[in-house]
Amino acid sequence: MMITDLNCPSTSSLEQLPNEILDSIFFNLDLKSLCHVRSVSVRLKNIVTHSSRISENFPRYDWDRFCVRYDEELKSYEIYMIRYSPRKEQSFYVTEEDIDKNRSLRFLFRNMSIRRIHLRRFPNGTFTDKFVNYLVSEFGECSSFTPIGLTITECDMSNLSSEAMAALIRACGKSLSHLMISKVYNAREDTFNDVHINMLDLKNISGLYVVDISMADGHQYLSITDHLFSRLINEDVFPALQLQLCLVSTLGLAAYLKKWIEFREFSGFSNICCTFKDCPDISQKGFIFACKNSPVEFSQFSDDFVSVFHESQGFHTFTVNFGKETYPDQEAAHGFSIQAKAISKS
């Protein structure tokens, strides 16, 4: 059953019915119609939001991808969810008025779990504090919320504060294994910084990607510093890193390499790839010089790439890209080719 227009004369008579009758009526509606009902009045919104019976009408789904984009034509946020096996897709819209009036989708969220979150295509300042805080509030209603991936891409960051980004990272951070911020623009120093990295459980992180960043006028670099290397060193973790326009340094990278050498003595196979693009305090020559007394050998395959491997364990490789444009899948493939050369050399 679907209601297409609730702004009709019968709406006033609908309001005359007791809650129990309305609950029974709404129980038979589909998701799109329930979203319409929420916008009619505060009373109907509360019935839909708090009805356990309506929630039970939506079976629990473990969504592989929870995606959101801004639809400029409809002036609404489109939320679409995908499950791969068995295949299922579901979508609905949240309007700016829904967010302003805090029209909760609790009846839907409390029956779902989410594996990966993709926030994509928010132009012209539509990626806002209001939207992010609304989304974080809805995530709190999920029966299980331990996402392993968070991607923020193709977003205008001009209207998102550091505090709202912190709320999003805080909600997702402890379970994440991959975090990607890419192709965002109008970023500021505090858009993503050391404070946000502190909210991650780095022992779970296998990939951290901050790439294709365009800064707002008057801003140059993200405030990601050697604090990142210090945390990785303290945790004995070595994820794939891709960083652009960050303030990490050559000395921080060298300390990270030395910890990797120490850790490799007591661990199995390791192949790590790092990319640093447009990071002003990091350089290839400085890195090689800082590591000259370490028990490693260098293979320099181009002006951009350096491969470092242990003198006695050539199958351990630490590959650093000092500026060539890559993406996670491309860099992994490149890393394996370097590993093969290191083995043959040893």
Foldseek 3Di string as FASTA:
>chain_A
DADDDCPDPCVVVVVVDDLVVLLVVCLPYDPQRLVVQLPPDVVSLVSCQPDPSSLVSDAADEFAEWEWEADPVVQWIKTKTFDVVVTDIDIDTGHPVCLVVVSAPLSHQQRYEYAEYEYEYAPDLNPALSVLVSVLVSNVSYVYYAYAYYEYANHECQHYDLVSVLSNCLSHAARYQEYEYAHYEQDAQSVPAPVSVVSHPQVNHQEYYYYHYYHRPPHQAHHYELVVLVVCLVVVDAHAEEDERYAYALLSVLVSVLSVVVVPVPDDAAFYEYEYAHHVHYADVSNCVSCVPPQWDWDDPDRFKIWIAGVVDQLHIYMYGYHDDDDDVVRVVVRVVVSVVSVVVD
